[in-house]
C-alpha atoms as a PDB file:
ATOM      1  CA  UNK A   1      74.260  42.943  98.931  1.00  0.00           C
ATOM      2  CA  UNK A   2      74.232  39.267  98.878  1.00  0.00           C
ATOM      3  CA  UNK A   3      76.692  36.190  98.464  1.00  0.00           C
ATOM      4  CA  UNK A   4      75.887  32.950  97.185  1.00  0.00           C
ATOM      5  CA  UNK A   5      77.958  29.771  96.806  1.00  0.00           C
ATOM      6  CA  UNK A   6      78.996  28.957  92.886  1.00  0.00           C
ATOM      7  CA  UNK A   7      80.120  25.473  93.347  1.00  0.00           C
ATOM      8  CA  UNK A   8      82.091  22.884  94.847  1.00  0.00           C
ATOM      9  CA  UNK A   9      85.088  23.742  92.709  1.00  0.00           C
ATOM     10  CA  UNK A  10      84.716  27.675  92.365  1.00  0.00           C
ATOM     11  CA  UNK A  11      84.125  28.740  95.742  1.00  0.00           C
ATOM     12  CA  UNK A  12      82.007  31.937  96.388  1.00  0.00           C
ATOM     13  CA  UNK A  13      80.664  34.133  93.963  1.00  0.00           C
ATOM     14  CA  UNK A  14      79.297  37.875  94.726  1.00  0.00           C
ATOM     15  CA  UNK A  15      75.947  39.307  93.553  1.00  0.00           C
ATOM     16  CA  UNK A  16      75.049  43.068  94.017  1.00  0.00           C
ATOM     17  CA  UNK A  17      70.715  44.391  93.631  1.00  0.00           C
ATOM     18  CA  UNK A  18      71.842  47.990  91.640  1.00  0.00           C
ATOM     19  CA  UNK A  19      69.858  50.548  90.151  1.00  0.00           C
ATOM     20  CA  UNK A  20      70.757  52.289  86.695  1.00  0.00           C
ATOM     21  CA  UNK A  21      71.263  55.926  87.809  1.00  0.00           C
ATOM     22  CA  UNK A  22      70.787  57.864  84.898  1.00  0.00           C
ATOM     23  CA  UNK A  23      68.388  56.880  82.287  1.00  0.00           C
ATOM     24  CA  UNK A  24      66.228  53.396  82.642  1.00  0.00           C
ATOM     25  CA  UNK A  25      66.178  53.878  86.807  1.00  0.00           C
ATOM     26  CA  UNK A  26      66.077  49.600  86.765  1.00  0.00           C
ATOM     27  CA  UNK A  27      67.045  47.467  88.546  1.00  0.00           C
ATOM     28  CA  UNK A  28      70.399  45.268  87.395  1.00  0.00           C
ATOM     29  CA  UNK A  29      72.519  42.421  89.278  1.00  0.00           C
ATOM     30  CA  UNK A  30      76.136  42.940  89.279  1.00  0.00           C
ATOM     31  CA  UNK A  31      78.412  40.081  89.391  1.00  0.00           C
ATOM     32  CA  UNK A  32      82.003  40.818  90.590  1.00  0.00           C
ATOM     33  CA  UNK A  33      84.796  39.879  88.405  1.00  0.00           C
ATOM     34  CA  UNK A  34      86.716  37.814  91.614  1.00  0.00           C
ATOM     35  CA  UNK A  35      90.751  39.003  91.021  1.00  0.00           C
ATOM     36  CA  UNK A  36      92.274  36.237  92.378  1.00  0.00           C
ATOM     37  CA  UNK A  37      95.984  36.646  91.222  1.00  0.00           C
ATOM     38  CA  UNK A  38      96.042  40.232  89.488  1.00  0.00           C
ATOM     39  CA  UNK A  39      99.208  39.893  88.745  1.00  0.00           C
ATOM     40  CA  UNK A  40      98.407  37.794  85.576  1.00  0.00           C
ATOM     41  CA  UNK A  41      96.043  40.350  84.792  1.00  0.00           C
ATOM     42  CA  UNK A  42      92.073  40.289  83.782  1.00  0.00           C
ATOM     43  CA  UNK A  43      91.191  35.976  84.856  1.00  0.00           C
ATOM     44  CA  UNK A  44      90.814  33.837  81.749  1.00  0.00           C
ATOM     45  CA  UNK A  45      87.626  32.446  83.401  1.00  0.00           C
ATOM     46  CA  UNK A  46      85.822  35.661  83.206  1.00  0.00           C
ATOM     47  CA  UNK A  47      86.790  36.245  79.880  1.00  0.00           C
ATOM     48  CA  UNK A  48      85.418  32.801  78.893  1.00  0.00           C
ATOM     49  CA  UNK A  49      82.365  33.647  80.643  1.00  0.00           C
ATOM     50  CA  UNK A  50      82.016  36.983  78.934  1.00  0.00           C
ATOM     51  CA  UNK A  51      82.921  36.006  75.602  1.00  0.00           C
ATOM     52  CA  UNK A  52      79.805  33.097  75.949  1.00  0.00           C
ATOM     53  CA  UNK A  53      77.589  35.134  77.288  1.00  0.00           C
ATOM     54  CA  UNK A  54      78.091  37.924  74.607  1.00  0.00           C
ATOM     55  CA  UNK A  55      77.655  34.752  71.859  1.00  0.00           C
ATOM     56  CA  UNK A  56      74.232  33.887  73.742  1.00  0.00           C
ATOM     57  CA  UNK A  57      71.356  35.672  73.424  1.00  0.00           C
ATOM     58  CA  UNK A  58      67.633  34.077  74.190  1.00  0.00           C
ATOM     59  CA  UNK A  59      64.501  34.895  76.633  1.00  0.00           C
ATOM     60  CA  UNK A  60      65.650  31.483  78.597  1.00  0.00           C
ATOM     61  CA  UNK A  61      69.195  32.724  79.102  1.00  0.00           C
ATOM     62  CA  UNK A  62      70.506  35.514  81.502  1.00  0.00           C
ATOM     63  CA  UNK A  63      70.945  38.496  79.201  1.00  0.00           C
ATOM     64  CA  UNK A  64      74.514  40.221  79.719  1.00  0.00           C
ATOM     65  CA  UNK A  65      73.648  44.295  79.666  1.00  0.00           C
ATOM     66  CA  UNK A  66      77.541  45.193  79.986  1.00  0.00           C
ATOM     67  CA  UNK A  67      80.693  45.229  81.879  1.00  0.00           C
ATOM     68  CA  UNK A  68      81.401  47.929  83.840  1.00  0.00           C
ATOM     69  CA  UNK A  69      84.462  48.985  86.572  1.00  0.00           C
ATOM     70  CA  UNK A  70      84.987  51.431  89.530  1.00  0.00           C
ATOM     71  CA  UNK A  71      86.849  54.225  88.955  1.00  0.00           C
ATOM     72  CA  UNK A  72      90.156  53.483  90.373  1.00  0.00           C
ATOM     73  CA  UNK A  73      91.435  56.104  93.467  1.00  0.00           C
ATOM     74  CA  UNK A  74      94.030  56.456  95.978  1.00  0.00           C
ATOM     75  CA  UNK A  75      91.707  54.574  97.945  1.00  0.00           C
ATOM     76  CA  UNK A  76      91.727  51.472  96.191  1.00  0.00           C
ATOM     77  CA  UNK A  77      95.114  51.752  95.345  1.00  0.00           C
ATOM     78  CA  UNK A  78      94.242  52.084  91.907  1.00  0.00           C
ATOM     79  CA  UNK A  79      92.855  48.859  91.133  1.00  0.00           C
ATOM     80  CA  UNK A  80      89.299  49.125  89.596  1.00  0.00           C
ATOM     81  CA  UNK A  81      86.792  46.408  90.436  1.00  0.00           C
ATOM     82  CA  UNK A  82      84.845  44.897  87.455  1.00  0.00           C
ATOM     83  CA  UNK A  83      81.118  43.773  87.606  1.00  0.00           C
ATOM     84  CA  UNK A  84      79.320  41.900  85.067  1.00  0.00           C
ATOM     85  CA  UNK A  85      75.791  43.995  84.919  1.00  0.00           C
ATOM     86  CA  UNK A  86      73.155  41.709  84.321  1.00  0.00           C
ATOM     87  CA  UNK A  87      68.983  41.831  84.298  1.00  0.00           C
ATOM     88  CA  UNK A  88      67.744  41.319  87.488  1.00  0.00           C
ATOM     89  CA  UNK A  89      65.665  38.091  88.266  1.00  0.00           C
ATOM     90  CA  UNK A  90      63.617  38.411  91.336  1.00  0.00           C
ATOM     91  CA  UNK A  91      63.947  35.038  92.241  1.00  0.00           C
ATOM     92  CA  UNK A  92      65.766  31.655  92.047  1.00  0.00           C
ATOM     93  CA  UNK A  93      64.659  28.300  91.698  1.00  0.00           C
ATOM     94  CA  UNK A  94      66.143  26.542  94.601  1.00  0.00           C
ATOM     95  CA  UNK A  95      65.098  29.499  97.039  1.00  0.00           C
ATOM     96  CA  UNK A  96      61.263  28.859  95.573  1.00  0.00           C
ATOM     97  CA  UNK A  97      61.721  25.566  96.090  1.00  0.00           C
ATOM     98  CA  UNK A  98      63.054  25.994 100.063  1.00  0.00           C
ATOM     99  CA  UNK A  99      59.893  28.155 100.660  1.00  0.00           C
ATOM    100  CA  UNK A 100      57.014  26.098 102.101  1.00  0.00           C
ATOM    101  CA  UNK A 101      54.223  28.724 100.964  1.00  0.00           C
ATOM    102  CA  UNK A 102      55.057  28.685  97.277  1.00  0.00           C
ATOM    103  CA  UNK A 103      53.690  25.943  95.492  1.00  0.00           C
ATOM    104  CA  UNK A 104      53.827  24.673  91.700  1.00  0.00           C
ATOM    105  CA  UNK A 105      50.756  22.315  90.150  1.00  0.00           C
ATOM    106  CA  UNK A 106      51.881  20.098  87.825  1.00  0.00           C
ATOM    107  CA  UNK A 107      50.912  22.857  84.627  1.00  0.00           C
ATOM    108  CA  UNK A 108      53.740  25.233  86.052  1.00  0.00           C
ATOM    109  CA  UNK A 109      56.615  22.666  86.984  1.00  0.00           C
ATOM    110  CA  UNK A 110      55.749  21.705  83.495  1.00  0.00           C
ATOM    111  CA  UNK A 111      56.254  25.217  82.388  1.00  0.00           C
ATOM    112  CA  UNK A 112      59.411  25.538  84.292  1.00  0.00           C
ATOM    113  CA  UNK A 113      61.153  22.531  82.913  1.00  0.00           C
ATOM    114  CA  UNK A 114      59.716  23.489  79.509  1.00  0.00           C
ATOM    115  CA  UNK A 115      61.756  26.680  79.550  1.00  0.00           C
ATOM    116  CA  UNK A 116      64.738  25.382  80.977  1.00  0.00           C
ATOM    117  CA  UNK A 117      65.462  22.841  78.225  1.00  0.00           C
ATOM    118  CA  UNK A 118      64.293  25.368  75.982  1.00  0.00           C
ATOM    119  CA  UNK A 119      67.378  27.332  77.314  1.00  0.00           C
ATOM    120  CA  UNK A 120      69.540  23.965  77.284  1.00  0.00           C
ATOM    121  CA  UNK A 121      68.470  23.464  73.764  1.00  0.00           C
ATOM    122  CA  UNK A 122      69.394  26.838  72.680  1.00  0.00           C
ATOM    123  CA  UNK A 123      73.165  26.715  74.337  1.00  0.00           C
ATOM    124  CA  UNK A 124      73.742  22.944  73.077  1.00  0.00           C
ATOM    125  CA  UNK A 125      72.503  24.203  69.276  1.00  0.00           C
ATOM    126  CA  UNK A 126      75.295  27.386  70.028  1.00  0.00           C
ATOM    127  CA  UNK A 127      77.740  24.397  70.862  1.00  0.00           C
ATOM    128  CA  UNK A 128      77.788  25.451  74.929  1.00  0.00           C
ATOM    129  CA  UNK A 129      78.174  23.485  77.555  1.00  0.00           C
ATOM    130  CA  UNK A 130      76.821  25.080  81.066  1.00  0.00           C
ATOM    131  CA  UNK A 131      78.475  22.804  83.495  1.00  0.00           C
ATOM    132  CA  UNK A 132      77.039  23.976  86.532  1.00  0.00           C
ATOM    133  CA  UNK A 133      72.994  22.895  86.231  1.00  0.00           C
ATOM    134  CA  UNK A 134      71.525  23.349  89.691  1.00  0.00           C
ATOM    135  CA  UNK A 135      68.248  24.388  91.405  1.00  0.00           C
ATOM    136  CA  UNK A 136      70.038  27.805  92.431  1.00  0.00           C
ATOM    137  CA  UNK A 137      71.376  28.863  88.730  1.00  0.00           C
ATOM    138  CA  UNK A 138      68.116  28.832  87.447  1.00  0.00           C
ATOM    139  CA  UNK A 139      66.807  32.126  87.763  1.00  0.00           C
ATOM    140  CA  UNK A 140      63.408  33.599  87.689  1.00  0.00           C
ATOM    141  CA  UNK A 141      61.816  36.545  87.231  1.00  0.00           C
ATOM    142  CA  UNK A 142      58.631  37.900  88.459  1.00  0.00           C
ATOM    143  CA  UNK A 143      56.749  37.568  84.961  1.00  0.00           C
ATOM    144  CA  UNK A 144      57.136  33.697  85.510  1.00  0.00           C
ATOM    145  CA  UNK A 145      60.111  33.986  82.814  1.00  0.00           C
ATOM    146  CA  UNK A 146      63.063  31.466  83.345  1.00  0.00           C
ATOM    147  CA  UNK A 147      67.127  32.270  82.720  1.00  0.00           C
ATOM    148  CA  UNK A 148      69.712  29.947  83.102  1.00  0.00           C
ATOM    149  CA  UNK A 149      72.656  31.345  84.510  1.00  0.00           C
ATOM    150  CA  UNK A 150      76.224  31.606  85.986  1.00  0.00           C
ATOM    151  CA  UNK A 151      77.914  30.569  82.940  1.00  0.00           C
ATOM    152  CA  UNK A 152      81.243  30.918  85.147  1.00  0.00           C
ATOM    153  CA  UNK A 153      82.203  27.196  84.557  1.00  0.00           C
ATOM    154  CA  UNK A 154      80.585  26.643  80.745  1.00  0.00           C
ATOM    155  CA  UNK A 155      82.588  26.253  77.733  1.00  0.00           C
ATOM    156  CA  UNK A 156      82.270  25.958  74.105  1.00  0.00           C
ATOM    157  CA  UNK A 157      82.583  22.200  73.021  1.00  0.00           C
ATOM    158  CA  UNK A 158      83.447  20.277  69.727  1.00  0.00           C
ATOM    159  CA  UNK A 159      83.069  16.705  67.987  1.00  0.00           C
ATOM    160  CA  UNK A 160      86.948  15.218  68.618  1.00  0.00           C
ATOM    161  CA  UNK A 161      88.926  15.466  65.903  1.00  0.00           C
ATOM    162  CA  UNK A 162      90.962  12.403  64.087  1.00  0.00           C
ATOM    163  CA  UNK A 163      90.217  10.187  66.549  1.00  0.00           C
ATOM    164  CA  UNK A 164      91.406  11.966  69.884  1.00  0.00           C
ATOM    165  CA  UNK A 165      89.231  12.658  72.302  1.00  0.00           C
ATOM    166  CA  UNK A 166      88.852  15.669  74.310  1.00  0.00           C
ATOM    167  CA  UNK A 167      90.256  16.462  77.299  1.00  0.00           C
ATOM    168  CA  UNK A 168      88.166  18.557  79.076  1.00  0.00           C
ATOM    169  CA  UNK A 169      88.294  19.000  83.386  1.00  0.00           C
ATOM    170  CA  UNK A 170      85.919  16.564  84.668  1.00  0.00           C
ATOM    171  CA  UNK A 171      86.704  19.061  87.997  1.00  0.00           C
ATOM    172  CA  UNK A 172      82.895  20.481  87.096  1.00  0.00           C
ATOM    173  CA  UNK A 173      79.331  20.696  88.433  1.00  0.00           C
ATOM    174  CA  UNK A 174      77.892  21.391  92.128  1.00  0.00           C
ATOM    175  CA  UNK A 175      78.104  17.593  93.625  1.00  0.00           C
ATOM    176  CA  UNK A 176      74.763  16.853  93.907  1.00  0.00           C
ATOM    177  CA  UNK A 177      74.139  17.784  90.309  1.00  0.00           C
ATOM    178  CA  UNK A 178      77.287  15.995  88.772  1.00  0.00           C
ATOM    179  CA  UNK A 179      76.483  13.254  86.492  1.00  0.00           C
ATOM    180  CA  UNK A 180      78.067   9.617  86.768  1.00  0.00           C
ATOM    181  CA  UNK A 181      80.487  10.009  84.196  1.00  0.00           C
ATOM    182  CA  UNK A 182      82.600  12.774  85.556  1.00  0.00           C
ATOM    183  CA  UNK A 183      82.628  10.837  88.774  1.00  0.00           C
ATOM    184  CA  UNK A 184      84.048   8.354  86.866  1.00  0.00           C
ATOM    185  CA  UNK A 185      86.813  10.622  85.599  1.00  0.00           C
ATOM    186  CA  UNK A 186      85.208  11.078  81.804  1.00  0.00           C
ATOM    187  CA  UNK A 187      86.911  14.101  79.921  1.00  0.00           C
ATOM    188  CA  UNK A 188      85.240  13.571  76.752  1.00  0.00           C
ATOM    189  CA  UNK A 189      82.053  14.780  77.379  1.00  0.00           C
ATOM    190  CA  UNK A 190      79.218  16.681  75.642  1.00  0.00           C
ATOM    191  CA  UNK A 191      75.495  18.083  76.132  1.00  0.00           C
ATOM    192  CA  UNK A 192      74.846  14.924  78.312  1.00  0.00           C
ATOM    193  CA  UNK A 193      76.541  16.769  81.576  1.00  0.00           C
ATOM    194  CA  UNK A 194      74.016  19.387  81.497  1.00  0.00           C
ATOM    195  CA  UNK A 195      70.483  16.520  80.793  1.00  0.00           C
ATOM    196  CA  UNK A 196      72.084  15.152  83.572  1.00  0.00           C
ATOM    197  CA  UNK A 197      71.104  18.307  85.923  1.00  0.00           C
ATOM    198  CA  UNK A 198      68.226  18.757  84.678  1.00  0.00           C
ATOM    199  CA  UNK A 199      66.420  15.499  85.589  1.00  0.00           C
ATOM    200  CA  UNK A 200      67.864  16.327  88.863  1.00  0.00           C
ATOM    201  CA  UNK A 201      66.492  19.679  89.152  1.00  0.00           C
ATOM    202  CA  UNK A 202      63.162  18.150  87.827  1.00  0.00           C
ATOM    203  CA  UNK A 203      63.021  15.673  90.188  1.00  0.00           C
ATOM    204  CA  UNK A 204      63.831  18.652  92.973  1.00  0.00           C
ATOM    205  CA  UNK A 205      60.325  20.252  91.751  1.00  0.00           C
ATOM    206  CA  UNK A 206      58.422  17.447  93.568  1.00  0.00           C
ATOM    207  CA  UNK A 207      60.461  16.734  96.036  1.00  0.00           C
ATOM    208  CA  UNK A 208      61.282  20.061  97.014  1.00  0.00           C
ATOM    209  CA  UNK A 209      65.151  19.000  97.895  1.00  0.00           C
ATOM    210  CA  UNK A 210      68.117  17.875  95.888  1.00  0.00           C
ATOM    211  CA  UNK A 211      67.392  13.795  95.347  1.00  0.00           C
ATOM    212  CA  UNK A 212      71.110  13.059  96.386  1.00  0.00           C
ATOM    213  CA  UNK A 213      72.619  14.529  98.534  1.00  0.00           C
ATOM    214  CA  UNK A 214      76.435  13.358  98.862  1.00  0.00           C
ATOM    215  CA  UNK A 215      79.155  14.339 101.116  1.00  0.00           C
ATOM    216  CA  UNK A 216      82.366  13.231  98.969  1.00  0.00           C
ATOM    217  CA  UNK A 217      82.388  11.894  95.430  1.00  0.00           C
ATOM    218  CA  UNK A 218      82.672   7.830  96.438  1.00  0.00           C
ATOM    219  CA  UNK A 219      79.386   8.863  98.221  1.00  0.00           C
ATOM    220  CA  UNK A 220      77.867  10.083  95.835  1.00  0.00           C
ATOM    221  CA  UNK A 221      78.425   7.415  93.569  1.00  0.00           C
ATOM    222  CA  UNK A 222      76.771   5.369  96.221  1.00  0.00           C
ATOM    223  CA  UNK A 223      73.411   7.240  95.718  1.00  0.00           C
ATOM    224  CA  UNK A 224      73.190   7.109  92.259  1.00  0.00           C
ATOM    225  CA  UNK A 225      73.668   3.689  92.143  1.00  0.00           C
ATOM    226  CA  UNK A 226      70.883   3.049  94.840  1.00  0.00           C
ATOM    227  CA  UNK A 227      68.843   5.005  92.725  1.00  0.00           C
ATOM    228  CA  UNK A 228      70.139   4.740  89.133  1.00  0.00           C
ATOM    229  CA  UNK A 229      71.447   1.124  89.072  1.00  0.00           C
ATOM    230  CA  UNK A 230      75.224   0.010  89.632  1.00  0.00           C
ATOM    231  CA  UNK A 231      77.714   0.395  87.400  1.00  0.00           C
ATOM    232  CA  UNK A 232      77.629  -2.443  84.991  1.00  0.00           C
ATOM    233  CA  UNK A 233      78.625  -2.954  81.234  1.00  0.00           C
ATOM    234  CA  UNK A 234      75.128  -4.309  80.364  1.00  0.00           C
ATOM    235  CA  UNK A 235      73.331  -0.870  81.126  1.00  0.00           C
ATOM    236  CA  UNK A 236      76.553   1.325  80.275  1.00  0.00           C
ATOM    237  CA  UNK A 237      78.920   0.227  77.300  1.00  0.00           C
ATOM    238  CA  UNK A 238      82.338   0.428  78.301  1.00  0.00           C
ATOM    239  CA  UNK A 239      82.253   1.870  81.526  1.00  0.00           C
ATOM    240  CA  UNK A 240      85.013  -0.071  82.963  1.00  0.00           C
ATOM    241  CA  UNK A 241      87.084   1.633  80.670  1.00  0.00           C
ATOM    242  CA  UNK A 242      86.951   5.352  82.666  1.00  0.00           C
ATOM    243  CA  UNK A 243      89.255   6.756  84.311  1.00  0.00           C
ATOM    244  CA  UNK A 244      88.181   6.170  88.234  1.00  0.00           C
ATOM    245  CA  UNK A 245      86.117   3.316  87.528  1.00  0.00           C
ATOM    246  CA  UNK A 246      88.387   0.715  89.201  1.00  0.00           C
ATOM    247  CA  UNK A 247      89.989   3.888  91.536  1.00  0.00           C
ATOM    248  CA  UNK A 248      86.439   4.185  93.173  1.00  0.00           C
ATOM    249  CA  UNK A 249      84.387   1.424  95.279  1.00  0.00           C
ATOM    250  CA  UNK A 250      81.263   0.872  93.021  1.00  0.00           C
ATOM    251  CA  UNK A 251      78.653  -1.156  94.745  1.00  0.00           C
ATOM    252  CA  UNK A 252      77.455  -4.180  93.000  1.00  0.00           C
ATOM    253  CA  UNK A 253      74.257  -5.693  92.567  1.00  0.00           C
ATOM    254  CA  UNK A 254      71.712  -2.620  92.340  1.00  0.00           C
ATOM    255  CA  UNK A 255      68.665  -2.275  90.335  1.00  0.00           C
ATOM    256  CA  UNK A 256      67.212   0.537  88.764  1.00  0.00           C
ATOM    257  CA  UNK A 257      64.521   2.407  91.186  1.00  0.00           C
ATOM    258  CA  UNK A 258      63.884   5.641  89.488  1.00  0.00           C
ATOM    259  CA  UNK A 259      60.329   5.041  88.493  1.00  0.00           C
ATOM    260  CA  UNK A 260      59.795   3.284  91.837  1.00  0.00           C
ATOM    261  CA  UNK A 261      61.516   5.412  94.551  1.00  0.00           C
ATOM    262  CA  UNK A 262      59.969   8.773  92.585  1.00  0.00           C
ATOM    263  CA  UNK A 263      56.219   7.509  91.945  1.00  0.00           C
ATOM    264  CA  UNK A 264      55.299   8.843  95.807  1.00  0.00           C
ATOM    265  CA  UNK A 265      55.750  11.866  94.902  1.00  0.00           C
ATOM    266  CA  UNK A 266      55.562  12.436  90.878  1.00  0.00           C
ATOM    267  CA  UNK A 267      51.991  10.885  90.587  1.00  0.00           C
ATOM    268  CA  UNK A 268      52.099  11.987  86.298  1.00  0.00           C
ATOM    269  CA  UNK A 269      53.210   9.049  84.524  1.00  0.00           C
ATOM    270  CA  UNK A 270      54.532  11.024  81.599  1.00  0.00           C
ATOM    271  CA  UNK A 271      56.858  13.106  84.291  1.00  0.00           C
ATOM    272  CA  UNK A 272      57.866   9.504  85.646  1.00  0.00           C
ATOM    273  CA  UNK A 273      58.530   8.493  82.106  1.00  0.00           C
ATOM    274  CA  UNK A 274      61.256  11.830  81.540  1.00  0.00           C
ATOM    275  CA  UNK A 275      62.531  12.045  84.267  1.00  0.00           C
ATOM    276  CA  UNK A 276      64.199   8.149  83.623  1.00  0.00           C
ATOM    277  CA  UNK A 277      65.310   9.211  80.234  1.00  0.00           C
ATOM    278  CA  UNK A 278      67.106  12.392  82.091  1.00  0.00           C
ATOM    279  CA  UNK A 279      68.644  10.204  84.625  1.00  0.00           C
ATOM    280  CA  UNK A 280      70.114   7.351  82.079  1.00  0.00           C
ATOM    281  CA  UNK A 281      73.330   6.559  83.266  1.00  0.00           C
ATOM    282  CA  UNK A 282      74.799   6.032  80.255  1.00  0.00           C
ATOM    283  CA  UNK A 283      75.170   9.639  78.425  1.00  0.00           C
ATOM    284  CA  UNK A 284      75.042   8.041  75.018  1.00  0.00           C
ATOM    285  CA  UNK A 285      71.083   6.645  76.264  1.00  0.00           C
ATOM    286  CA  UNK A 286      70.913   9.880  78.015  1.00  0.00           C
ATOM    287  CA  UNK A 287      67.671  12.567  76.027  1.00  0.00           C
ATOM    288  CA  UNK A 288      68.590  15.598  74.779  1.00  0.00           C
ATOM    289  CA  UNK A 289      67.205  19.037  75.161  1.00  0.00           C
ATOM    290  CA  UNK A 290      64.884  18.244  71.893  1.00  0.00           C
ATOM    291  CA  UNK A 291      63.773  14.892  72.258  1.00  0.00           C
ATOM    292  CA  UNK A 292      62.709  15.725  75.667  1.00  0.00           C
ATOM    293  CA  UNK A 293      60.853  18.868  74.163  1.00  0.00           C
ATOM    294  CA  UNK A 294      58.686  16.500  72.474  1.00  0.00           C
ATOM    295  CA  UNK A 295      57.779  14.548  75.087  1.00  0.00           C
ATOM    296  CA  UNK A 296      54.661  13.601  76.058  1.00  0.00           C
ATOM    297  CA  UNK A 297      55.062  15.319  79.172  1.00  0.00           C
ATOM    298  CA  UNK A 298      54.805  18.606  77.755  1.00  0.00           C
ATOM    299  CA  UNK A 299      51.739  17.829  75.506  1.00  0.00           C
ATOM    300  CA  UNK A 300      49.019  16.393  77.576  1.00  0.00           C
ATOM    301  CA  UNK A 301      46.956  17.874  79.616  1.00  0.00           C
ATOM    302  CA  UNK A 302      47.457  19.552  81.641  1.00  0.00           C
ATOM    303  CA  UNK A 303      49.126  21.813  79.707  1.00  0.00           C
ATOM    304  CA  UNK A 304      52.287  24.076  80.389  1.00  0.00           C
ATOM    305  CA  UNK A 305      50.434  27.519  81.787  1.00  0.00           C
ATOM    306  CA  UNK A 306      51.804  30.824  82.920  1.00  0.00           C
ATOM    307  CA  UNK A 307      53.881  31.129  86.052  1.00  0.00           C
ATOM    308  CA  UNK A 308      53.311  34.785  87.104  1.00  0.00           C
ATOM    309  CA  UNK A 309      49.991  34.262  88.406  1.00  0.00           C
ATOM    310  CA  UNK A 310      51.289  32.189  91.292  1.00  0.00           C
ATOM    311  CA  UNK A 311      54.569  34.131  91.598  1.00  0.00           C
ATOM    312  CA  UNK A 312      52.435  37.573  91.933  1.00  0.00           C
ATOM    313  CA  UNK A 313      51.844  36.272  95.613  1.00  0.00           C
ATOM    314  CA  UNK A 314      54.970  36.347  96.299  1.00  0.00           C
ATOM    315  CA  UNK A 315      56.257  40.072  96.599  1.00  0.00           C
ATOM    316  CA  UNK A 316      59.456  39.499  97.984  1.00  0.00           C
ATOM    317  CA  UNK A 317      62.593  38.098  96.505  1.00  0.00           C
ATOM    318  CA  UNK A 318      63.541  33.926  96.892  1.00  0.00           C
ATOM    319  CA  UNK A 319      67.082  33.015  96.698  1.00  0.00           C
ATOM    320  CA  UNK A 320      69.191  30.136  97.717  1.00  0.00           C
ATOM    321  CA  UNK A 321      71.554  32.085 100.027  1.00  0.00           C
ATOM    322  CA  UNK A 322      68.335  33.157 102.053  1.00  0.00           C
ATOM    323  CA  UNK A 323      67.411  29.610 102.987  1.00  0.00           C
ATOM    324  CA  UNK A 324      68.234  27.765 106.225  1.00  0.00           C
ATOM    325  CA  UNK A 325      71.108  25.738 105.326  1.00  0.00           C
ATOM    326  CA  UNK A 326      70.036  22.280 104.036  1.00  0.00           C
ATOM    327  CA  UNK A 327      73.161  20.504 106.015  1.00  0.00           C
ATOM    328  CA  UNK A 328      74.410  21.349 109.267  1.00  0.00           C
ATOM    329  CA  UNK A 329      77.628  22.262 108.126  1.00  0.00           C
ATOM    330  CA  UNK A 330      76.269  24.658 106.050  1.00  0.00           C
ATOM    331  CA  UNK A 331      75.328  26.494 109.195  1.00  0.00           C
ATOM    332  CA  UNK A 332      78.607  28.670 109.392  1.00  0.00           C
ATOM    333  CA  UNK A 333      78.458  29.709 105.688  1.00  0.00           C
ATOM    334  CA  UNK A 334      75.084  30.913 106.142  1.00  0.00           C
ATOM    335  CA  UNK A 335      75.716  32.921 109.357  1.00  0.00           C
ATOM    336  CA  UNK A 336      78.550  34.581 107.364  1.00  0.00           C
ATOM    337  CA  UNK A 337      75.958  35.369 104.739  1.00  0.00           C
ATOM    338  CA  UNK A 338      73.466  36.861 106.795  1.00  0.00           C
ATOM    339  CA  UNK A 339      76.058  39.596 108.150  1.00  0.00           C
ATOM    340  CA  UNK A 340      77.299  40.215 104.841  1.00  0.00           C
ATOM    341  CA  UNK A 341      73.170  41.071 103.982  1.00  0.00           C
ATOM    342  CA  UNK A 342      73.269  43.134 107.535  1.00  0.00           C
ATOM    343  CA  UNK A 343      76.276  45.337 105.976  1.00  0.00           C
ATOM    344  CA  UNK A 344      75.157  48.286 104.689  1.00  0.00           C
ATOM    345  CA  UNK A 345      74.709  47.794 101.282  1.00  0.00           C
ATOM    346  CA  UNK A 346      77.680  50.102  98.934  1.00  0.00           C
ATOM    347  CA  UNK A 347      76.781  52.818  95.539  1.00  0.00           C
ATOM    348  CA  UNK A 348      76.317  50.220  92.825  1.00  0.00           C
ATOM    349  CA  UNK A 349      75.298  52.551  90.852  1.00  0.00           C
ATOM    350  CA  UNK A 350      77.279  51.771  87.255  1.00  0.00           C
ATOM    351  CA  UNK A 351      79.441  54.072  85.185  1.00  0.00           C
ATOM    352  CA  UNK A 352      82.937  53.689  83.574  1.00  0.00           C
ATOM    353  CA  UNK A 353      81.339  51.224  80.939  1.00  0.00           C
ATOM    354  CA  UNK A 354      84.105  48.567  79.291  1.00  0.00           C
ATOM    355  CA  UNK A 355      82.932  47.426  75.660  1.00  0.00           C
END
């Protein structure tokens, strides 16, 4: 049994490893549907996630096999627990990057990013926003196949009609991966919010740790300014019109230093160039997934190469929740996770299917 951090806005999720007993005998992952307000019925957020996952069928998107529930008994007061059943993946990217024994060469980094961008291109082509791109939500199988996971914050999007802007919530995306437009209050956004997260993840492939670790939204904006430059109309048209622009303390006078700061880690010039485009402040200038996949980074030697050989050297699963806390404040949360891991696992064979 394991519990992983979901995001700054959604609390925790519970994910279990289970085996199908009757036919295939294969391992699966069970994501528990949290019934936070049972009196109002099945959670609308879970219904949205299920609907999106049923729509998305792609090699680089996690596969929803089915939905199941426990039997209603006297012991559980006749209240079933619902689970989303997924194909099991052995690792998540955050767990791999936290392990000093896991080494990605340049060709393998390219393969990770190529698959990640393929997944984003597919979901964006289907008018879906992920809205929680981070290394912990990037799963990788033992055969080296990457899967975008955790669509709990995902939603369909559309181009605003009749001149009326969309009014999506900006309280999405884990803070360290949250793009500047959301931090400044934008509610009329689209695929660029996921591309910013892709840029943060790409940089993390070399730095091995999130590149901007703010404790508050204010601090996160400062860290972004220090790396990507100050928020001005010269680099980002109409940024001053965003709701929180005049309510936050935004440092002025910072020059863009993406290339300068990341070059000591990212030796490949094409890699630095792609990172620069992914971490553009202005979402309209930020590169999209299709254009990114055609970038020279993926079409120069070394070419993207298979991950399975490298991963075959690491037979133990690696996930973020198994790694030491990245900040002192996470120690209590980490210790509780270890208690959960040591608890006796439940019998999670899945049955009573719900279609």
